[in-house]
């Protein structure tokens, strides 16, 4: 299992548009990917699960990947978070 933490910088947090882009990015990888915040964990490949977490600006999320391409998944998602959130 590989993971990283990220503090959300987007003023609105993880709202519909970036949540959709996050799901699209996560689906590129075979590994199981989860996003955790506020004691909640959601599968990164499920849009409604991500949006229901209610992640706001300045919240810290933990992204974990487990599977055959977990290193690539974490690298790709870390780049995604830095560019979009």
N, C-alpha and C. Protein backbone atom coordinates (compact mmCIF):
# COMPACT_ATOMS: atom_id res chain seq x y z
N UNK A 1 0.84 -1.18 0.00
CA UNK A 1 0.00 0.00 0.00
C UNK A 1 0.89 1.24 0.00
N UNK A 2 0.53 2.17 -0.84
CA UNK A 2 1.24 3.45 -0.94
C UNK A 2 0.23 4.56 -0.70
N UNK A 3 0.67 5.64 -0.04
CA UNK A 3 -0.27 6.72 0.24
C UNK A 3 0.44 8.07 0.32
N UNK A 4 -0.36 9.13 0.26
CA UNK A 4 0.14 10.49 0.49
C UNK A 4 -0.97 11.32 1.09
N UNK A 5 -0.58 12.41 1.74
CA UNK A 5 -1.55 13.36 2.29
C UNK A 5 -1.46 14.65 1.50
N UNK A 6 -2.59 15.33 1.38
CA UNK A 6 -2.63 16.58 0.62
C UNK A 6 -3.62 17.53 1.26
N UNK A 7 -3.22 18.79 1.40
CA UNK A 7 -4.14 19.82 1.91
C UNK A 7 -4.82 20.49 0.72
N UNK A 8 -6.15 20.48 0.71
CA UNK A 8 -6.94 21.04 -0.39
C UNK A 8 -6.76 22.56 -0.42
N UNK A 9 -6.41 23.07 -1.59
CA UNK A 9 -6.19 24.51 -1.77
C UNK A 9 -7.32 25.18 -2.55
N UNK A 10 -8.12 24.40 -3.27
CA UNK A 10 -9.25 24.94 -4.01
C UNK A 10 -10.22 25.59 -3.03
N UNK A 11 -10.63 26.83 -3.31
CA UNK A 11 -11.50 27.59 -2.40
C UNK A 11 -12.83 26.90 -2.13
N UNK A 12 -13.32 26.12 -3.08
CA UNK A 12 -14.61 25.47 -2.94
C UNK A 12 -14.46 24.04 -2.41
N UNK A 13 -13.25 23.51 -2.40
CA UNK A 13 -13.03 22.14 -1.96
C UNK A 13 -13.23 21.17 -3.12
N UNK A 14 -13.54 19.93 -2.77
CA UNK A 14 -13.78 18.93 -3.83
C UNK A 14 -15.26 18.98 -4.19
N UNK A 15 -15.58 19.80 -5.18
CA UNK A 15 -16.95 19.95 -5.66
C UNK A 15 -17.12 19.13 -6.94
N UNK A 16 -18.22 19.27 -7.62
CA UNK A 16 -18.59 18.39 -8.74
C UNK A 16 -17.53 18.28 -9.83
N UNK A 17 -17.04 19.39 -10.34
CA UNK A 17 -16.10 19.33 -11.45
C UNK A 17 -14.81 18.61 -11.08
N UNK A 18 -14.10 19.03 -10.03
CA UNK A 18 -12.86 18.31 -9.72
C UNK A 18 -13.11 16.88 -9.23
N UNK A 19 -14.26 16.62 -8.62
CA UNK A 19 -14.57 15.25 -8.21
C UNK A 19 -14.70 14.35 -9.44
N UNK A 20 -15.36 14.86 -10.47
CA UNK A 20 -15.49 14.12 -11.73
C UNK A 20 -14.14 13.85 -12.37
N UNK A 21 -13.28 14.87 -12.35
CA UNK A 21 -11.94 14.71 -12.91
C UNK A 21 -11.11 13.72 -12.08
N UNK A 22 -11.29 13.75 -10.76
CA UNK A 22 -10.58 12.82 -9.89
C UNK A 22 -10.98 11.38 -10.19
N UNK A 23 -12.28 11.14 -10.35
CA UNK A 23 -12.76 9.80 -10.68
C UNK A 23 -12.19 9.34 -12.02
N UNK A 24 -12.18 10.24 -12.99
CA UNK A 24 -11.63 9.90 -14.32
C UNK A 24 -10.15 9.54 -14.21
N UNK A 25 -9.40 10.28 -13.42
CA UNK A 25 -7.98 10.00 -13.22
C UNK A 25 -7.79 8.65 -12.50
N UNK A 26 -8.57 8.40 -11.47
CA UNK A 26 -8.44 7.16 -10.69
C UNK A 26 -8.76 5.93 -11.54
N UNK A 27 -9.69 6.06 -12.47
CA UNK A 27 -10.08 4.92 -13.32
C UNK A 27 -8.99 4.52 -14.30
N UNK A 28 -7.95 5.31 -14.44
CA UNK A 28 -6.83 4.95 -15.31
C UNK A 28 -6.00 3.82 -14.73
N UNK A 29 -6.17 3.57 -13.43
CA UNK A 29 -5.31 2.63 -12.72
C UNK A 29 -6.08 1.39 -12.28
N UNK A 30 -5.39 0.27 -12.27
CA UNK A 30 -5.98 -0.99 -11.86
C UNK A 30 -6.11 -1.10 -10.33
N UNK A 31 -5.23 -0.43 -9.60
CA UNK A 31 -5.20 -0.51 -8.14
C UNK A 31 -6.49 0.01 -7.51
N UNK A 32 -6.78 -0.49 -6.30
CA UNK A 32 -7.86 0.05 -5.48
C UNK A 32 -7.37 1.35 -4.89
N UNK A 33 -8.11 2.43 -5.07
CA UNK A 33 -7.70 3.75 -4.61
C UNK A 33 -8.79 4.31 -3.70
N UNK A 34 -8.37 4.80 -2.53
CA UNK A 34 -9.33 5.40 -1.60
C UNK A 34 -8.88 6.80 -1.22
N UNK A 35 -9.86 7.63 -0.89
CA UNK A 35 -9.61 8.99 -0.39
C UNK A 35 -10.26 9.06 0.99
N UNK A 36 -9.50 9.53 1.98
CA UNK A 36 -10.01 9.61 3.35
C UNK A 36 -9.90 11.04 3.88
N UNK A 37 -10.93 11.46 4.62
CA UNK A 37 -10.94 12.77 5.29
C UNK A 37 -12.07 12.76 6.31
N UNK A 38 -11.90 13.46 7.41
CA UNK A 38 -12.94 13.58 8.44
C UNK A 38 -13.41 12.22 8.97
N UNK A 39 -12.54 11.23 8.97
CA UNK A 39 -12.93 9.90 9.44
C UNK A 39 -13.77 9.11 8.44
N UNK A 40 -13.95 9.65 7.23
CA UNK A 40 -14.70 8.96 6.17
C UNK A 40 -13.72 8.50 5.10
N UNK A 41 -14.02 7.37 4.49
CA UNK A 41 -13.20 6.87 3.40
C UNK A 41 -14.12 6.56 2.22
N UNK A 42 -13.67 6.94 1.02
CA UNK A 42 -14.47 6.70 -0.19
C UNK A 42 -13.58 6.13 -1.29
N UNK A 43 -14.17 5.29 -2.11
CA UNK A 43 -13.48 4.76 -3.28
C UNK A 43 -13.31 5.91 -4.27
N UNK A 44 -12.09 6.10 -4.74
CA UNK A 44 -11.81 7.22 -5.64
C UNK A 44 -12.44 7.07 -7.01
N UNK A 45 -12.95 5.89 -7.32
CA UNK A 45 -13.55 5.65 -8.63
C UNK A 45 -15.07 5.83 -8.59
N UNK A 46 -15.61 6.29 -7.46
CA UNK A 46 -17.07 6.47 -7.31
C UNK A 46 -17.38 7.94 -7.01
N UNK A 47 -17.96 8.62 -7.99
CA UNK A 47 -18.21 10.05 -7.92
C UNK A 47 -19.05 10.45 -6.70
N UNK A 48 -20.16 9.80 -6.49
CA UNK A 48 -21.06 10.20 -5.39
C UNK A 48 -20.39 9.98 -4.03
N UNK A 49 -19.57 8.95 -3.93
CA UNK A 49 -18.87 8.68 -2.66
C UNK A 49 -17.89 9.82 -2.36
N UNK A 50 -17.18 10.28 -3.39
CA UNK A 50 -16.21 11.38 -3.22
C UNK A 50 -16.95 12.66 -2.83
N UNK A 51 -18.02 12.97 -3.53
CA UNK A 51 -18.75 14.21 -3.26
C UNK A 51 -19.42 14.19 -1.88
N UNK A 52 -19.84 13.02 -1.43
CA UNK A 52 -20.54 12.94 -0.14
C UNK A 52 -19.61 13.16 1.05
N UNK A 53 -18.31 13.17 0.82
CA UNK A 53 -17.36 13.38 1.91
C UNK A 53 -17.35 14.83 2.40
N UNK A 54 -17.75 15.76 1.55
CA UNK A 54 -17.83 17.17 1.94
C UNK A 54 -16.48 17.80 2.24
N UNK A 55 -15.48 17.50 1.43
CA UNK A 55 -14.13 18.02 1.66
C UNK A 55 -14.08 19.50 1.24
N UNK A 56 -13.62 20.34 2.16
CA UNK A 56 -13.55 21.78 1.94
C UNK A 56 -12.10 22.25 1.84
N UNK A 57 -11.94 23.53 1.51
CA UNK A 57 -10.62 24.16 1.44
C UNK A 57 -9.91 24.01 2.79
N UNK A 58 -8.64 23.74 2.75
CA UNK A 58 -7.76 23.57 3.91
C UNK A 58 -7.94 22.23 4.64
N UNK A 59 -8.85 21.37 4.17
CA UNK A 59 -8.96 20.02 4.73
C UNK A 59 -7.79 19.19 4.21
N UNK A 60 -7.34 18.25 5.01
CA UNK A 60 -6.28 17.34 4.59
C UNK A 60 -6.90 16.00 4.24
N UNK A 61 -6.59 15.50 3.06
CA UNK A 61 -7.07 14.20 2.62
C UNK A 61 -5.89 13.23 2.53
N UNK A 62 -6.18 11.97 2.73
CA UNK A 62 -5.19 10.92 2.56
C UNK A 62 -5.63 10.06 1.38
N UNK A 63 -4.74 9.89 0.42
CA UNK A 63 -5.03 9.08 -0.75
C UNK A 63 -4.17 7.82 -0.65
N UNK A 64 -4.82 6.66 -0.74
CA UNK A 64 -4.12 5.38 -0.64
C UNK A 64 -4.40 4.55 -1.89
N UNK A 65 -3.38 3.83 -2.34
CA UNK A 65 -3.54 2.92 -3.46
C UNK A 65 -2.93 1.57 -3.09
N UNK A 66 -3.63 0.52 -3.49
CA UNK A 66 -3.13 -0.82 -3.24
C UNK A 66 -3.42 -1.66 -4.47
N UNK A 67 -2.35 -2.22 -5.05
CA UNK A 67 -2.52 -3.05 -6.24
C UNK A 67 -1.27 -3.06 -7.08
N UNK A 68 -1.39 -3.64 -8.26
CA UNK A 68 -0.21 -3.85 -9.11
C UNK A 68 0.44 -2.56 -9.63
N UNK A 69 -0.32 -1.50 -9.77
CA UNK A 69 0.24 -0.24 -10.29
C UNK A 69 0.12 0.88 -9.26
N UNK A 70 0.23 0.54 -7.97
CA UNK A 70 0.01 1.53 -6.91
C UNK A 70 1.00 2.69 -6.96
N UNK A 71 2.25 2.42 -7.31
CA UNK A 71 3.25 3.50 -7.37
C UNK A 71 2.87 4.50 -8.46
N UNK A 72 2.49 4.00 -9.63
CA UNK A 72 2.08 4.88 -10.73
C UNK A 72 0.80 5.62 -10.37
N UNK A 73 -0.13 4.94 -9.70
CA UNK A 73 -1.40 5.56 -9.31
C UNK A 73 -1.15 6.72 -8.35
N UNK A 74 -0.30 6.50 -7.35
CA UNK A 74 -0.02 7.55 -6.38
C UNK A 74 0.68 8.73 -7.06
N UNK A 75 1.64 8.44 -7.92
CA UNK A 75 2.34 9.52 -8.63
C UNK A 75 1.36 10.32 -9.49
N UNK A 76 0.50 9.64 -10.21
CA UNK A 76 -0.47 10.32 -11.07
C UNK A 76 -1.48 11.12 -10.28
N UNK A 77 -1.97 10.56 -9.19
CA UNK A 77 -2.97 11.26 -8.38
C UNK A 77 -2.36 12.43 -7.62
N UNK A 78 -1.13 12.28 -7.19
CA UNK A 78 -0.47 13.39 -6.51
C UNK A 78 -0.33 14.58 -7.47
N UNK A 79 0.08 14.30 -8.69
CA UNK A 79 0.18 15.34 -9.71
C UNK A 79 -1.19 15.96 -9.99
N UNK A 80 -2.23 15.10 -10.03
CA UNK A 80 -3.58 15.60 -10.26
C UNK A 80 -4.02 16.55 -9.15
N UNK A 81 -3.81 16.15 -7.90
CA UNK A 81 -4.21 16.99 -6.76
C UNK A 81 -3.47 18.33 -6.80
N UNK A 82 -2.17 18.29 -7.08
CA UNK A 82 -1.40 19.54 -7.11
C UNK A 82 -1.86 20.46 -8.23
N UNK A 83 -2.28 19.90 -9.35
CA UNK A 83 -2.71 20.72 -10.49
C UNK A 83 -4.15 21.21 -10.37
N UNK A 84 -5.01 20.45 -9.69
CA UNK A 84 -6.45 20.75 -9.72
C UNK A 84 -7.08 21.11 -8.37
N UNK A 85 -6.46 20.73 -7.28
CA UNK A 85 -7.11 20.94 -5.99
C UNK A 85 -6.18 21.66 -5.04
